[in-house]
Amino acid sequence: MSRLFLVSLISLYSCSGGISEEQLRGTWIGTDFNFEQKEGGEMAAMIEGGRLLHEDGKLELNDDGTFKIYAGKGDLNGLGTWSIDSGDMLMMYDVGEETRYEIVSLTSDQLITKHEVSFESPLGTIAGTITLTYKR
């Protein structure tokens, strides 16, 4: 096996599933929020609250590996560091929470992610998948 072929193969494998941080950097505006519930009681108010936070909110992915999330009304809603890991966007929030966002689709002007959520509520465990859509 030629050395050049081997180096090319390693480079291809380490490209994080074809998604680069450069493709994601910049400001994204939330356009759609979908929660597919898999467990728990009716949470219409929680779903609507998530929609209000996301739609028209901003996700800033900075060159220095930091991020800021602003809710639809402009309030800071999260910050920390981000990176690409195995084709997913990994976000480490400053409060110690880590979330892995699967990148479902990425073009120059649209980003779609999804991630699993699970939390305890007065109605018991609520769990499901959140799909977030953004535009540049």
C-alpha atoms as a PDB file:
ATOM      1  CA  MET A   1       0.000   0.000   0.000  1.00  0.00           C
ATOM      2  CA  SER A   2       1.483   3.348  -0.957  1.00  0.00           C
ATOM      3  CA  ARG A   3       2.265   5.867   1.741  1.00  0.00           C
ATOM      4  CA  LEU A   4       0.260   8.610  -0.048  1.00  0.00           C
ATOM      5  CA  PHE A   5      -2.821   6.372  -0.196  1.00  0.00           C
ATOM      6  CA  LEU A   6      -2.518   5.593   3.512  1.00  0.00           C
ATOM      7  CA  VAL A   7      -2.195   9.293   4.446  1.00  0.00           C
ATOM      8  CA  SER A   8      -5.217  10.114   2.249  1.00  0.00           C
ATOM      9  CA  LEU A   9      -7.257   7.349   3.875  1.00  0.00           C
ATOM     10  CA  ILE A  10      -6.397   8.568   7.391  1.00  0.00           C
ATOM     11  CA  SER A  11      -7.249  12.166   6.441  1.00  0.00           C
ATOM     12  CA  LEU A  12     -10.591  11.082   5.001  1.00  0.00           C
ATOM     13  CA  TYR A  13     -11.416   9.063   8.122  1.00  0.00           C
ATOM     14  CA  SER A  14     -10.571  11.931  10.481  1.00  0.00           C
ATOM     15  CA  CYS A  15     -12.817  14.481   8.771  1.00  0.00           C
ATOM     16  CA  SER A  16     -15.556  13.900  11.361  1.00  0.00           C
ATOM     17  CA  GLY A  17     -18.035  12.301   9.005  1.00  0.00           C
ATOM     18  CA  GLY A  18     -17.528  14.962   6.337  1.00  0.00           C
ATOM     19  CA  ILE A  19     -18.663  17.903   8.517  1.00  0.00           C
ATOM     20  CA  SER A  20     -16.073  20.509   9.396  1.00  0.00           C
ATOM     21  CA  GLU A  21     -16.151  23.200  12.058  1.00  0.00           C
ATOM     22  CA  GLU A  22     -15.572  25.736   9.299  1.00  0.00           C
ATOM     23  CA  GLN A  23     -18.906  24.778   7.685  1.00  0.00           C
ATOM     24  CA  LEU A  24     -20.742  25.397  10.962  1.00  0.00           C
ATOM     25  CA  ARG A  25     -19.085  28.601  12.172  1.00  0.00           C
ATOM     26  CA  GLY A  26     -21.224  31.708  12.116  1.00  0.00           C
ATOM     27  CA  THR A  27     -24.660  32.823  13.249  1.00  0.00           C
ATOM     28  CA  TRP A  28     -27.688  30.617  12.755  1.00  0.00           C
ATOM     29  CA  ILE A  29     -31.317  31.745  13.277  1.00  0.00           C
ATOM     30  CA  GLY A  30     -33.835  29.234  14.638  1.00  0.00           C
ATOM     31  CA  THR A  31     -36.692  28.563  12.216  1.00  0.00           C
ATOM     32  CA  ASP A  32     -38.419  25.375  13.390  1.00  0.00           C
ATOM     33  CA  PHE A  33     -38.699  23.295  16.576  1.00  0.00           C
ATOM     34  CA  ASN A  34     -40.149  19.792  16.742  1.00  0.00           C
ATOM     35  CA  PHE A  35     -40.448  17.532  19.793  1.00  0.00           C
ATOM     36  CA  GLU A  36     -41.242  13.865  19.174  1.00  0.00           C
ATOM     37  CA  GLN A  37     -42.274  12.553  22.572  1.00  0.00           C
ATOM     38  CA  LYS A  38     -41.421   8.929  23.339  1.00  0.00           C
ATOM     39  CA  GLU A  39     -42.268   8.734  27.045  1.00  0.00           C
ATOM     40  CA  GLY A  40     -44.326  10.605  29.632  1.00  0.00           C
ATOM     41  CA  GLY A  41     -47.492  12.631  30.026  1.00  0.00           C
ATOM     42  CA  GLU A  42     -48.848  15.493  27.941  1.00  0.00           C
ATOM     43  CA  MET A  43     -46.442  18.444  27.936  1.00  0.00           C
ATOM     44  CA  ALA A  44     -47.981  20.909  25.469  1.00  0.00           C
ATOM     45  CA  ALA A  45     -46.799  23.915  27.511  1.00  0.00           C
ATOM     46  CA  MET A  46     -43.208  22.615  27.585  1.00  0.00           C
ATOM     47  CA  ILE A  47     -43.243  22.038  23.846  1.00  0.00           C
ATOM     48  CA  GLU A  48     -44.590  25.524  23.185  1.00  0.00           C
ATOM     49  CA  GLY A  49     -41.962  26.975  25.538  1.00  0.00           C
ATOM     50  CA  GLY A  50     -39.213  25.213  23.588  1.00  0.00           C
ATOM     51  CA  ARG A  51     -40.615  26.572  20.344  1.00  0.00           C
ATOM     52  CA  LEU A  52     -40.675  30.139  21.718  1.00  0.00           C
ATOM     53  CA  LEU A  53     -37.064  29.831  22.896  1.00  0.00           C
ATOM     54  CA  HIS A  54     -35.797  28.439  19.588  1.00  0.00           C
ATOM     55  CA  GLU A  55     -37.725  30.131  16.790  1.00  0.00           C
ATOM     56  CA  ASP A  56     -36.130  33.478  15.890  1.00  0.00           C
ATOM     57  CA  GLY A  57     -33.391  32.771  18.452  1.00  0.00           C
ATOM     58  CA  LYS A  58     -29.710  32.824  17.525  1.00  0.00           C
ATOM     59  CA  LEU A  59     -26.968  30.218  17.743  1.00  0.00           C
ATOM     60  CA  GLU A  60     -23.516  31.790  17.456  1.00  0.00           C
ATOM     61  CA  LEU A  61     -20.723  29.301  16.735  1.00  0.00           C
ATOM     62  CA  ASN A  62     -17.484  31.250  17.093  1.00  0.00           C
ATOM     63  CA  ASP A  63     -14.042  30.689  15.545  1.00  0.00           C
ATOM     64  CA  ASP A  64     -12.468  30.230  18.988  1.00  0.00           C
ATOM     65  CA  GLY A  65     -14.670  27.185  19.774  1.00  0.00           C
ATOM     66  CA  THR A  66     -17.135  29.057  21.988  1.00  0.00           C
ATOM     67  CA  PHE A  67     -20.871  29.407  21.442  1.00  0.00           C
ATOM     68  CA  LYS A  68     -23.752  31.548  22.650  1.00  0.00           C
ATOM     69  CA  ILE A  69     -27.449  30.794  22.337  1.00  0.00           C
ATOM     70  CA  TYR A  70     -29.992  33.612  22.447  1.00  0.00           C
ATOM     71  CA  ALA A  71     -33.717  32.978  22.899  1.00  0.00           C
ATOM     72  CA  GLY A  72     -36.231  34.383  20.414  1.00  0.00           C
ATOM     73  CA  LYS A  73     -36.536  37.631  22.380  1.00  0.00           C
ATOM     74  CA  GLY A  74     -32.766  38.114  22.513  1.00  0.00           C
ATOM     75  CA  ASP A  75     -32.060  36.874  26.058  1.00  0.00           C
ATOM     76  CA  LEU A  76     -28.875  34.842  26.543  1.00  0.00           C
ATOM     77  CA  ASN A  77     -30.007  31.223  26.948  1.00  0.00           C
ATOM     78  CA  GLY A  78     -26.713  29.300  27.036  1.00  0.00           C
ATOM     79  CA  LEU A  79     -22.994  29.484  26.426  1.00  0.00           C
ATOM     80  CA  GLY A  80     -19.947  27.255  26.449  1.00  0.00           C
ATOM     81  CA  THR A  81     -17.675  25.489  23.974  1.00  0.00           C
ATOM     82  CA  TRP A  82     -18.428  23.428  20.886  1.00  0.00           C
ATOM     83  CA  SER A  83     -16.629  20.981  18.616  1.00  0.00           C
ATOM     84  CA  ILE A  84     -17.271  18.311  16.002  1.00  0.00           C
ATOM     85  CA  ASP A  85     -17.041  14.710  17.216  1.00  0.00           C
ATOM     86  CA  SER A  86     -17.703  11.790  14.860  1.00  0.00           C
ATOM     87  CA  GLY A  87     -19.854  14.005  12.640  1.00  0.00           C
ATOM     88  CA  ASP A  88     -21.963  15.308  15.541  1.00  0.00           C
ATOM     89  CA  MET A  89     -21.840  18.761  17.131  1.00  0.00           C
ATOM     90  CA  LEU A  90     -20.797  18.404  20.760  1.00  0.00           C
ATOM     91  CA  MET A  91     -21.716  21.343  22.992  1.00  0.00           C
ATOM     92  CA  MET A  92     -20.314  21.691  26.499  1.00  0.00           C
ATOM     93  CA  TYR A  93     -22.379  24.246  28.409  1.00  0.00           C
ATOM     94  CA  ASP A  94     -20.730  26.417  31.070  1.00  0.00           C
ATOM     95  CA  VAL A  95     -23.091  24.898  33.678  1.00  0.00           C
ATOM     96  CA  GLY A  96     -21.478  21.476  33.176  1.00  0.00           C
ATOM     97  CA  GLU A  97     -24.075  19.972  30.828  1.00  0.00           C
ATOM     98  CA  GLU A  98     -22.937  18.269  27.623  1.00  0.00           C
ATOM     99  CA  THR A  99     -25.267  17.737  24.652  1.00  0.00           C
ATOM    100  CA  ARG A 100     -24.548  15.807  21.468  1.00  0.00           C
ATOM    101  CA  TYR A 101     -26.464  17.115  18.443  1.00  0.00           C
ATOM    102  CA  GLU A 102     -26.696  14.804  15.454  1.00  0.00           C
ATOM    103  CA  ILE A 103     -26.320  16.851  12.282  1.00  0.00           C
ATOM    104  CA  VAL A 104     -29.203  15.647  10.129  1.00  0.00           C
ATOM    105  CA  SER A 105     -28.593  18.091   7.285  1.00  0.00           C
ATOM    106  CA  LEU A 106     -26.124  20.888   6.559  1.00  0.00           C
ATOM    107  CA  THR A 107     -26.016  23.242   3.585  1.00  0.00           C
ATOM    108  CA  SER A 108     -24.487  26.688   3.267  1.00  0.00           C
ATOM    109  CA  ASP A 109     -27.763  28.264   4.456  1.00  0.00           C
ATOM    110  CA  GLN A 110     -29.561  25.583   6.528  1.00  0.00           C
ATOM    111  CA  LEU A 111     -28.688  23.400   9.516  1.00  0.00           C
ATOM    112  CA  ILE A 112     -30.920  20.676  10.971  1.00  0.00           C
ATOM    113  CA  THR A 113     -29.957  18.913  14.198  1.00  0.00           C
ATOM    114  CA  LYS A 114     -31.614  16.431  16.497  1.00  0.00           C
ATOM    115  CA  HIS A 115     -30.875  15.271  20.016  1.00  0.00           C
ATOM    116  CA  GLU A 116     -32.385  13.076  22.674  1.00  0.00           C
ATOM    117  CA  VAL A 117     -33.777  14.606  25.881  1.00  0.00           C
ATOM    118  CA  SER A 118     -34.995  13.094  29.125  1.00  0.00           C
ATOM    119  CA  PHE A 119     -35.967  14.837  32.362  1.00  0.00           C
ATOM    120  CA  GLU A 120     -38.095  14.392  35.443  1.00  0.00           C
ATOM    121  CA  SER A 121     -41.313  16.384  35.789  1.00  0.00           C
ATOM    122  CA  PRO A 122     -44.289  16.283  38.170  1.00  0.00           C
ATOM    123  CA  LEU A 123     -45.832  13.913  35.602  1.00  0.00           C
ATOM    124  CA  GLY A 124     -42.844  11.535  35.720  1.00  0.00           C
ATOM    125  CA  THR A 125     -40.098  11.073  33.165  1.00  0.00           C
ATOM    126  CA  ILE A 126     -40.513  12.993  29.919  1.00  0.00           C
ATOM    127  CA  ALA A 127     -38.335  11.779  27.030  1.00  0.00           C
ATOM    128  CA  GLY A 128     -38.120  12.288  23.299  1.00  0.00           C
ATOM    129  CA  THR A 129     -36.221  13.695  20.366  1.00  0.00           C
ATOM    130  CA  ILE A 130     -35.910  17.402  19.585  1.00  0.00           C
ATOM    131  CA  THR A 131     -35.263  18.443  15.992  1.00  0.00           C
ATOM    132  CA  LEU A 132     -34.026  22.007  15.495  1.00  0.00           C
ATOM    133  CA  THR A 133     -33.871  23.816  12.143  1.00  0.00           C
ATOM    134  CA  TYR A 134     -31.764  26.941  11.518  1.00  0.00           C
ATOM    135  CA  LYS A 135     -31.037  29.295   8.634  1.00  0.00           C
ATOM    136  CA  ARG A 136     -28.082  31.628   8.096  1.00  0.00           C
END
